[in-house]
Amino acid sequence: MAGLQGSRKTKVARALEAQGFLRFSPDERVWETYGHYGRDFPRGEYLVREQPILEKIAVEVGEALSSGRDVVVDHGFWTASEREKWRRIGEDVGATVTLVHLPGTHQERWDRIKARNQETYDNPNAMWFSEADLLRHATRFEPPGADEPHITYTGDLEPVLRALEASADT
């Protein structure tokens, strides 16, 4: 996946999980391991705590793909280099990798984040973000370019499922 906060990554990942995919969520693992971001550990330390979890998930993803499982990683993958690293994890074990891009306007994402902020203490996928955080993060996001094969999620899961089925047949 490639998308910022509020782009509906978890919604899509859970829908794929309901279709039989094994879902990996770094945010949920960080929550389980370290607690609530900004309450149990300081804001600004997220990436440091997330890194060892991502490394462990990378191994688990490779193992799951090697065993023939379909997987979805519920994560933003903001840069082309990060996406390439994870693409290689799948391709190195012979899996077909499909990147799903989840675009959205700032206002759409901010509206979702504002609603999600109300659940921040009860939901590991609802870390509290300000609008300034969202704007700052958007400056770091690299949408997939023409040289990076992907499908764009537009709110309808069916085209994503068709693309995944087609890629599995190749």
C-alpha atoms as a PDB file:
ATOM      1  CA  MET A   1       0.000   0.000   0.000  1.00  0.00           C
ATOM      2  CA  ALA A   2       0.995   3.583  -0.490  1.00  0.00           C
ATOM      3  CA  GLY A   3      -0.976   6.226   1.352  1.00  0.00           C
ATOM      4  CA  LEU A   4      -0.945   8.780   4.109  1.00  0.00           C
ATOM      5  CA  GLN A   5      -2.935   8.755   7.329  1.00  0.00           C
ATOM      6  CA  GLY A   6      -6.648   8.844   6.635  1.00  0.00           C
ATOM      7  CA  SER A   7      -6.326   7.379   3.143  1.00  0.00           C
ATOM      8  CA  ARG A   8      -8.313   4.241   4.134  1.00  0.00           C
ATOM      9  CA  LYS A   9      -5.417   1.774   4.255  1.00  0.00           C
ATOM     10  CA  THR A  10      -6.795  -0.134   7.226  1.00  0.00           C
ATOM     11  CA  LYS A  11     -10.273  -0.256   5.682  1.00  0.00           C
ATOM     12  CA  VAL A  12      -8.868  -1.799   2.504  1.00  0.00           C
ATOM     13  CA  ALA A  13      -6.509  -4.115   4.417  1.00  0.00           C
ATOM     14  CA  ARG A  14      -9.356  -5.422   6.568  1.00  0.00           C
ATOM     15  CA  ALA A  15     -11.493  -5.970   3.469  1.00  0.00           C
ATOM     16  CA  LEU A  16      -8.667  -8.001   1.955  1.00  0.00           C
ATOM     17  CA  GLU A  17      -8.276  -9.871   5.232  1.00  0.00           C
ATOM     18  CA  ALA A  18     -11.959 -10.792   4.969  1.00  0.00           C
ATOM     19  CA  GLN A  19     -11.113 -12.214   1.520  1.00  0.00           C
ATOM     20  CA  GLY A  20      -8.507 -14.520   3.088  1.00  0.00           C
ATOM     21  CA  PHE A  21      -5.395 -12.348   3.067  1.00  0.00           C
ATOM     22  CA  LEU A  22      -3.099 -12.435   6.082  1.00  0.00           C
ATOM     23  CA  ARG A  23      -2.971  -8.837   7.355  1.00  0.00           C
ATOM     24  CA  PHE A  24       0.123  -7.365   8.977  1.00  0.00           C
ATOM     25  CA  SER A  25      -0.279  -4.067  10.822  1.00  0.00           C
ATOM     26  CA  PRO A  26       2.846  -2.374  12.163  1.00  0.00           C
ATOM     27  CA  ASP A  27       0.693   0.221  13.993  1.00  0.00           C
ATOM     28  CA  GLU A  28      -1.116  -2.524  15.902  1.00  0.00           C
ATOM     29  CA  ARG A  29       2.179  -4.190  16.798  1.00  0.00           C
ATOM     30  CA  VAL A  30       3.645  -0.908  18.049  1.00  0.00           C
ATOM     31  CA  TRP A  31       0.511  -0.424  20.194  1.00  0.00           C
ATOM     32  CA  GLU A  32       0.762  -3.980  21.582  1.00  0.00           C
ATOM     33  CA  THR A  33       4.489  -3.648  22.304  1.00  0.00           C
ATOM     34  CA  TYR A  34       4.873  -0.066  23.508  1.00  0.00           C
ATOM     35  CA  GLY A  35       1.396   1.233  24.236  1.00  0.00           C
ATOM     36  CA  HIS A  36      -0.268   4.407  23.087  1.00  0.00           C
ATOM     37  CA  TYR A  37       1.736   6.891  21.019  1.00  0.00           C
ATOM     38  CA  GLY A  38       1.963  10.181  22.874  1.00  0.00           C
ATOM     39  CA  ARG A  39       0.763   8.764  26.181  1.00  0.00           C
ATOM     40  CA  ASP A  40       2.849   5.664  26.943  1.00  0.00           C
ATOM     41  CA  PHE A  41       5.836   6.857  24.940  1.00  0.00           C
ATOM     42  CA  PRO A  42       6.699  10.328  23.676  1.00  0.00           C
ATOM     43  CA  ARG A  43       5.576  11.746  20.378  1.00  0.00           C
ATOM     44  CA  GLY A  44       8.542  11.834  18.058  1.00  0.00           C
ATOM     45  CA  GLU A  45       9.746   8.350  19.035  1.00  0.00           C
ATOM     46  CA  TYR A  46       7.391   6.394  16.817  1.00  0.00           C
ATOM     47  CA  LEU A  47       9.807   5.571  13.992  1.00  0.00           C
ATOM     48  CA  VAL A  48      12.483   4.364  16.403  1.00  0.00           C
ATOM     49  CA  ARG A  49      10.022   1.977  18.041  1.00  0.00           C
ATOM     50  CA  GLU A  50       8.467   0.929  14.752  1.00  0.00           C
ATOM     51  CA  GLN A  51      11.745  -0.064  13.030  1.00  0.00           C
ATOM     52  CA  PRO A  52      12.397  -3.382  14.844  1.00  0.00           C
ATOM     53  CA  ILE A  53       8.737  -4.275  14.396  1.00  0.00           C
ATOM     54  CA  LEU A  54       8.952  -3.629  10.646  1.00  0.00           C
ATOM     55  CA  GLU A  55      12.048  -5.832  10.491  1.00  0.00           C
ATOM     56  CA  LYS A  56      10.206  -8.671  12.207  1.00  0.00           C
ATOM     57  CA  ILE A  57       7.147  -8.221  10.000  1.00  0.00           C
ATOM     58  CA  ALA A  58       9.356  -8.324   6.890  1.00  0.00           C
ATOM     59  CA  VAL A  59      10.575 -11.781   7.911  1.00  0.00           C
ATOM     60  CA  GLU A  60       7.022 -12.931   8.672  1.00  0.00           C
ATOM     61  CA  VAL A  61       5.745 -11.598   5.342  1.00  0.00           C
ATOM     62  CA  GLY A  62       8.477 -13.492   3.487  1.00  0.00           C
ATOM     63  CA  GLU A  63       7.636 -16.686   5.362  1.00  0.00           C
ATOM     64  CA  ALA A  64       3.909 -16.328   4.740  1.00  0.00           C
ATOM     65  CA  LEU A  65       4.428 -15.652   1.041  1.00  0.00           C
ATOM     66  CA  SER A  66       6.842 -18.595   0.794  1.00  0.00           C
ATOM     67  CA  SER A  67       4.136 -20.837   2.184  1.00  0.00           C
ATOM     68  CA  GLY A  68       1.672 -19.640  -0.465  1.00  0.00           C
ATOM     69  CA  ARG A  69      -0.348 -17.204   1.624  1.00  0.00           C
ATOM     70  CA  ASP A  70      -1.703 -13.966   0.243  1.00  0.00           C
ATOM     71  CA  VAL A  71      -0.701 -11.063   2.480  1.00  0.00           C
ATOM     72  CA  VAL A  72      -1.486  -7.390   2.865  1.00  0.00           C
ATOM     73  CA  VAL A  73       0.755  -5.043   4.810  1.00  0.00           C
ATOM     74  CA  ASP A  74      -1.383  -2.325   6.396  1.00  0.00           C
ATOM     75  CA  HIS A  75       1.258   0.376   6.205  1.00  0.00           C
ATOM     76  CA  GLY A  76       1.752   3.630   4.300  1.00  0.00           C
ATOM     77  CA  PHE A  77       5.038   2.961   2.475  1.00  0.00           C
ATOM     78  CA  TRP A  78       5.594   6.658   1.802  1.00  0.00           C
ATOM     79  CA  THR A  79       8.680   6.469  -0.407  1.00  0.00           C
ATOM     80  CA  ALA A  80       9.569   4.668  -3.607  1.00  0.00           C
ATOM     81  CA  SER A  81      12.707   3.221  -1.991  1.00  0.00           C
ATOM     82  CA  GLU A  82      10.710   1.801   0.919  1.00  0.00           C
ATOM     83  CA  ARG A  83       8.176   0.276  -1.499  1.00  0.00           C
ATOM     84  CA  GLU A  84      11.006  -1.216  -3.588  1.00  0.00           C
ATOM     85  CA  LYS A  85      12.534  -2.827  -0.483  1.00  0.00           C
ATOM     86  CA  TRP A  86       9.213  -4.465   0.406  1.00  0.00           C
ATOM     87  CA  ARG A  87       8.517  -5.429  -3.212  1.00  0.00           C
ATOM     88  CA  ARG A  88      11.815  -7.343  -3.219  1.00  0.00           C
ATOM     89  CA  ILE A  89      10.749  -9.244  -0.085  1.00  0.00           C
ATOM     90  CA  GLY A  90       7.861 -10.700  -2.054  1.00  0.00           C
ATOM     91  CA  GLU A  91       9.630 -11.147  -5.356  1.00  0.00           C
ATOM     92  CA  ASP A  92      12.617 -12.854  -3.702  1.00  0.00           C
ATOM     93  CA  VAL A  93      10.297 -15.678  -2.628  1.00  0.00           C
ATOM     94  CA  GLY A  94       8.507 -15.844  -5.986  1.00  0.00           C
ATOM     95  CA  ALA A  95       5.391 -13.900  -5.043  1.00  0.00           C
ATOM     96  CA  THR A  96       3.590 -11.484  -7.294  1.00  0.00           C
ATOM     97  CA  VAL A  97       3.482  -8.102  -5.595  1.00  0.00           C
ATOM     98  CA  THR A  98       0.729  -5.571  -6.255  1.00  0.00           C
ATOM     99  CA  LEU A  99       1.009  -2.023  -4.964  1.00  0.00           C
ATOM    100  CA  VAL A 100      -2.268  -0.322  -4.052  1.00  0.00           C
ATOM    101  CA  HIS A 101      -2.104   3.468  -4.025  1.00  0.00           C
ATOM    102  CA  LEU A 102      -4.648   5.222  -1.801  1.00  0.00           C
ATOM    103  CA  PRO A 103      -4.763   8.885  -2.779  1.00  0.00           C
ATOM    104  CA  GLY A 104      -7.066  11.472  -1.344  1.00  0.00           C
ATOM    105  CA  THR A 105      -7.373  15.166  -0.900  1.00  0.00           C
ATOM    106  CA  HIS A 106      -6.092  16.801   2.232  1.00  0.00           C
ATOM    107  CA  GLN A 107      -9.656  17.623   3.289  1.00  0.00           C
ATOM    108  CA  GLU A 108     -10.870  14.028   2.848  1.00  0.00           C
ATOM    109  CA  ARG A 109      -7.972  12.697   4.895  1.00  0.00           C
ATOM    110  CA  TRP A 110      -8.293  15.432   7.541  1.00  0.00           C
ATOM    111  CA  ASP A 111     -12.033  14.750   7.938  1.00  0.00           C
ATOM    112  CA  ARG A 112     -11.270  11.062   8.563  1.00  0.00           C
ATOM    113  CA  ILE A 113      -8.418  11.898  10.953  1.00  0.00           C
ATOM    114  CA  LYS A 114     -10.592  14.299  12.975  1.00  0.00           C
ATOM    115  CA  ALA A 115     -13.184  11.542  13.435  1.00  0.00           C
ATOM    116  CA  ARG A 116     -10.520   8.959  14.183  1.00  0.00           C
ATOM    117  CA  ASN A 117      -8.836  11.232  16.743  1.00  0.00           C
ATOM    118  CA  GLN A 118     -11.916  10.692  18.923  1.00  0.00           C
ATOM    119  CA  GLU A 119     -10.900   7.012  19.261  1.00  0.00           C
ATOM    120  CA  THR A 120      -7.214   7.629  19.846  1.00  0.00           C
ATOM    121  CA  TYR A 121      -6.995   6.027  23.298  1.00  0.00           C
ATOM    122  CA  ASP A 122      -8.946   2.904  22.333  1.00  0.00           C
ATOM    123  CA  ASN A 123      -7.829   2.104  18.798  1.00  0.00           C
ATOM    124  CA  PRO A 124      -4.250   1.267  17.774  1.00  0.00           C
ATOM    125  CA  ASN A 125      -5.034   2.487  14.259  1.00  0.00           C
ATOM    126  CA  ALA A 126      -6.211   5.882  15.546  1.00  0.00           C
ATOM    127  CA  MET A 127      -3.081   7.689  16.628  1.00  0.00           C
ATOM    128  CA  TRP A 128      -3.833  11.327  17.333  1.00  0.00           C
ATOM    129  CA  PHE A 129      -2.685  13.702  14.610  1.00  0.00           C
ATOM    130  CA  SER A 130      -3.112  17.426  14.227  1.00  0.00           C
ATOM    131  CA  GLU A 131      -3.815  19.027  10.893  1.00  0.00           C
ATOM    132  CA  ALA A 132      -0.266  20.412  10.993  1.00  0.00           C
ATOM    133  CA  ASP A 133       1.053  16.831  11.385  1.00  0.00           C
ATOM    134  CA  LEU A 134      -0.952  15.712   8.383  1.00  0.00           C
ATOM    135  CA  LEU A 135       0.286  18.624   6.263  1.00  0.00           C
ATOM    136  CA  ARG A 136       3.888  17.994   7.307  1.00  0.00           C
ATOM    137  CA  HIS A 137       3.643  14.289   6.531  1.00  0.00           C
ATOM    138  CA  ALA A 138       2.188  15.029   3.096  1.00  0.00           C
ATOM    139  CA  THR A 139       5.418  16.819   2.177  1.00  0.00           C
ATOM    140  CA  ARG A 140       7.313  13.549   2.741  1.00  0.00           C
ATOM    141  CA  PHE A 141       4.974  11.310   0.738  1.00  0.00           C
ATOM    142  CA  GLU A 142       6.051  10.165  -2.718  1.00  0.00           C
ATOM    143  CA  PRO A 143       3.057   8.922  -4.716  1.00  0.00           C
ATOM    144  CA  PRO A 144       3.831   6.025  -7.039  1.00  0.00           C
ATOM    145  CA  GLY A 145       5.049   7.242 -10.412  1.00  0.00           C
ATOM    146  CA  ALA A 146       4.510   5.801 -13.866  1.00  0.00           C
ATOM    147  CA  ASP A 147       7.630   3.655 -13.395  1.00  0.00           C
ATOM    148  CA  GLU A 148       6.113   1.985 -10.315  1.00  0.00           C
ATOM    149  CA  PRO A 149       3.327  -0.432 -11.291  1.00  0.00           C
ATOM    150  CA  HIS A 150       0.295   0.069  -9.067  1.00  0.00           C
ATOM    151  CA  ILE A 151      -3.477   0.143  -8.887  1.00  0.00           C
ATOM    152  CA  THR A 152      -5.288   3.141  -7.453  1.00  0.00           C
ATOM    153  CA  TYR A 153      -8.011   2.613  -4.872  1.00  0.00           C
ATOM    154  CA  THR A 154     -10.873   5.000  -5.561  1.00  0.00           C
ATOM    155  CA  GLY A 155     -13.313   3.819  -2.907  1.00  0.00           C
ATOM    156  CA  ASP A 156     -14.439   0.648  -4.697  1.00  0.00           C
ATOM    157  CA  LEU A 157     -12.689  -2.578  -3.700  1.00  0.00           C
ATOM    158  CA  GLU A 158     -13.788  -4.530  -6.794  1.00  0.00           C
ATOM    159  CA  PRO A 159     -11.130  -3.130  -9.175  1.00  0.00           C
ATOM    160  CA  VAL A 160      -8.474  -3.896  -6.555  1.00  0.00           C
ATOM    161  CA  LEU A 161      -9.725  -7.470  -6.194  1.00  0.00           C
ATOM    162  CA  ARG A 162      -9.793  -7.913  -9.989  1.00  0.00           C
ATOM    163  CA  ALA A 163      -6.228  -6.603 -10.263  1.00  0.00           C
ATOM    164  CA  LEU A 164      -5.081  -8.953  -7.516  1.00  0.00           C
ATOM    165  CA  GLU A 165      -6.776 -11.909  -9.208  1.00  0.00           C
ATOM    166  CA  ALA A 166      -5.228 -10.987 -12.562  1.00  0.00           C
ATOM    167  CA  SER A 167      -1.766 -10.669 -11.042  1.00  0.00           C
ATOM    168  CA  ALA A 168      -2.169 -14.062  -9.349  1.00  0.00           C
ATOM    169  CA  ASP A 169      -2.952 -15.636 -12.716  1.00  0.00           C
ATOM    170  CA  THR A 170       0.272 -14.423 -14.315  1.00  0.00           C
END
